Each structure stands twice: as C-alpha cells, then as structure tokens.
Amino acid sequence: MQSEKQLWRFRRGSVHRALVVNINTWHYRPIGIYIRWTQNAVILVDKNKTPLGSKIYATLTKEFFTKFPALGSVCDNVV
C-alpha cells in the first residue's frame, strides 16, 4: 500500500504552473462578439503545457485549442 506522501499530488504551499482560461472581463473576438465569464478559472499544467488533471469543467474558448492542443482531450465545454 502506498504511503500518504505518495497519494497526494499537490501539497499545501507548493507552487505550480497554471494557465488562466477564464477571467472576469470581456473577451473580444474579431468578428464582433464579446464573451464574459462570471468567475476566474485556471488550469494546472506541467512544463509541456499538458494539464495535470484528467477532466476540465471550465468552459474554454476555441482559441485555446489552437495554442494548446492537449486541452482538447480533457475539456468538454467549448465556446
């Protein structure tokens, strides 16, 4: 059986890389559409910009998938 140290992936006070996906301001698209979220959201990623989690519940814009293709496999909501 694994010890408690091996079961916890994130420790309190540890610093990780994160990708900001939703912010509480207006997001402008060149075709004239404005999108706004009510909450801020981030995704924890590693050095290669692949997500550390297995499921993303935040709604992402389609511009993220061109920059970070690894997010497409774990995200289900796209705007």
C-alpha atoms as a PDB file:
ATOM      1  CA  MET A   1       0.000   0.000   0.000  1.00  0.00           C
ATOM      2  CA  GLN A   2       1.222   3.492  -0.824  1.00  0.00           C
ATOM      3  CA  SER A   3       2.075   5.891   1.926  1.00  0.00           C
ATOM      4  CA  GLU A   4       0.210   9.179   2.350  1.00  0.00           C
ATOM      5  CA  LYS A   5       3.113  11.109   0.803  1.00  0.00           C
ATOM      6  CA  GLN A   6       2.733   9.253  -2.483  1.00  0.00           C
ATOM      7  CA  LEU A   7      -1.042   9.650  -2.636  1.00  0.00           C
ATOM      8  CA  TRP A   8      -1.019  13.463  -2.512  1.00  0.00           C
ATOM      9  CA  ARG A   9      -0.023  15.100  -5.761  1.00  0.00           C
ATOM     10  CA  PHE A  10      -0.263  18.689  -4.535  1.00  0.00           C
ATOM     11  CA  ARG A  11       0.983  19.854  -1.172  1.00  0.00           C
ATOM     12  CA  ARG A  12      -0.191  22.894   0.717  1.00  0.00           C
ATOM     13  CA  GLY A  13       2.059  25.847  -0.075  1.00  0.00           C
ATOM     14  CA  SER A  14       3.580  24.280  -3.198  1.00  0.00           C
ATOM     15  CA  VAL A  15       3.916  26.364  -6.368  1.00  0.00           C
ATOM     16  CA  HIS A  16       2.704  25.060  -9.756  1.00  0.00           C
ATOM     17  CA  ARG A  17       2.343  26.410 -13.276  1.00  0.00           C
ATOM     18  CA  ALA A  18      -1.155  27.451 -14.267  1.00  0.00           C
ATOM     19  CA  LEU A  19      -2.900  28.537 -17.429  1.00  0.00           C
ATOM     20  CA  VAL A  20      -5.546  31.261 -16.992  1.00  0.00           C
ATOM     21  CA  VAL A  21      -8.559  30.237 -19.073  1.00  0.00           C
ATOM     22  CA  ASN A  22     -11.435  32.442 -17.849  1.00  0.00           C
ATOM     23  CA  ILE A  23     -11.234  35.947 -16.416  1.00  0.00           C
ATOM     24  CA  ASN A  24     -13.989  38.207 -15.231  1.00  0.00           C
ATOM     25  CA  THR A  25     -13.590  40.708 -18.073  1.00  0.00           C
ATOM     26  CA  TRP A  26     -14.763  40.967 -21.663  1.00  0.00           C
ATOM     27  CA  HIS A  27     -13.098  38.726 -24.271  1.00  0.00           C
ATOM     28  CA  TYR A  28     -13.307  40.202 -27.769  1.00  0.00           C
ATOM     29  CA  ARG A  29     -13.372  38.182 -30.978  1.00  0.00           C
ATOM     30  CA  PRO A  30     -12.526  39.802 -34.331  1.00  0.00           C
ATOM     31  CA  ILE A  31     -15.974  39.031 -35.787  1.00  0.00           C
ATOM     32  CA  GLY A  32     -17.566  41.376 -33.253  1.00  0.00           C
ATOM     33  CA  ILE A  33     -18.592  39.026 -30.461  1.00  0.00           C
ATOM     34  CA  TYR A  34     -17.908  39.753 -26.795  1.00  0.00           C
ATOM     35  CA  ILE A  35     -17.775  36.927 -24.221  1.00  0.00           C
ATOM     36  CA  ARG A  36     -17.714  37.418 -20.460  1.00  0.00           C
ATOM     37  CA  TRP A  37     -17.427  34.942 -17.585  1.00  0.00           C
ATOM     38  CA  THR A  38     -18.689  35.426 -14.047  1.00  0.00           C
ATOM     39  CA  GLN A  39     -15.721  33.708 -12.381  1.00  0.00           C
ATOM     40  CA  ASN A  40     -11.993  33.412 -12.898  1.00  0.00           C
ATOM     41  CA  ALA A  41     -10.583  29.956 -13.681  1.00  0.00           C
ATOM     42  CA  VAL A  42      -7.144  28.412 -14.136  1.00  0.00           C
ATOM     43  CA  ILE A  43      -5.858  25.000 -15.198  1.00  0.00           C
ATOM     44  CA  LEU A  44      -2.768  23.498 -13.586  1.00  0.00           C
ATOM     45  CA  VAL A  45      -0.252  22.448 -16.250  1.00  0.00           C
ATOM     46  CA  ASP A  46       3.257  20.988 -16.352  1.00  0.00           C
ATOM     47  CA  LYS A  47       6.294  22.290 -18.256  1.00  0.00           C
ATOM     48  CA  ASN A  48       4.994  20.931 -21.576  1.00  0.00           C
ATOM     49  CA  LYS A  49       1.641  22.729 -21.137  1.00  0.00           C
ATOM     50  CA  THR A  50      -0.284  19.469 -20.677  1.00  0.00           C
ATOM     51  CA  PRO A  51      -2.963  19.585 -17.959  1.00  0.00           C
ATOM     52  CA  LEU A  52      -2.310  17.818 -14.667  1.00  0.00           C
ATOM     53  CA  GLY A  53      -5.958  16.903 -14.204  1.00  0.00           C
ATOM     54  CA  SER A  54      -7.960  14.321 -16.100  1.00  0.00           C
ATOM     55  CA  LYS A  55     -11.104  16.449 -16.594  1.00  0.00           C
ATOM     56  CA  ILE A  56     -11.662  20.188 -17.166  1.00  0.00           C
ATOM     57  CA  TYR A  57     -15.029  21.556 -16.063  1.00  0.00           C
ATOM     58  CA  ALA A  58     -14.351  25.151 -17.099  1.00  0.00           C
ATOM     59  CA  THR A  59     -15.724  26.441 -20.393  1.00  0.00           C
ATOM     60  CA  LEU A  60     -12.883  27.190 -22.806  1.00  0.00           C
ATOM     61  CA  THR A  61     -12.797  29.302 -25.944  1.00  0.00           C
ATOM     62  CA  LYS A  62     -11.864  27.722 -29.251  1.00  0.00           C
ATOM     63  CA  GLU A  63      -8.699  29.878 -29.421  1.00  0.00           C
ATOM     64  CA  PHE A  64      -7.139  27.768 -26.651  1.00  0.00           C
ATOM     65  CA  PHE A  65      -7.214  24.612 -28.757  1.00  0.00           C
ATOM     66  CA  THR A  66      -5.017  26.122 -31.455  1.00  0.00           C
ATOM     67  CA  LYS A  67      -2.394  27.218 -28.917  1.00  0.00           C
ATOM     68  CA  PHE A  68      -2.671  24.238 -26.541  1.00  0.00           C
ATOM     69  CA  PRO A  69      -3.911  21.111 -28.369  1.00  0.00           C
ATOM     70  CA  ALA A  70      -3.526  18.893 -25.262  1.00  0.00           C
ATOM     71  CA  LEU A  71      -6.513  20.648 -23.666  1.00  0.00           C
ATOM     72  CA  GLY A  72      -8.891  19.255 -26.276  1.00  0.00           C
ATOM     73  CA  SER A  73      -8.686  15.736 -24.919  1.00  0.00           C
ATOM     74  CA  VAL A  74      -9.790  16.656 -21.372  1.00  0.00           C
ATOM     75  CA  CYS A  75     -12.270  19.505 -21.994  1.00  0.00           C
ATOM     76  CA  ASP A  76     -15.946  19.071 -22.804  1.00  0.00           C
ATOM     77  CA  ASN A  77     -17.304  22.655 -22.981  1.00  0.00           C
ATOM     78  CA  VAL A  78     -16.206  24.928 -25.833  1.00  0.00           C
ATOM     79  CA  VAL A  79     -17.446  28.419 -26.703  1.00  0.00           C
END
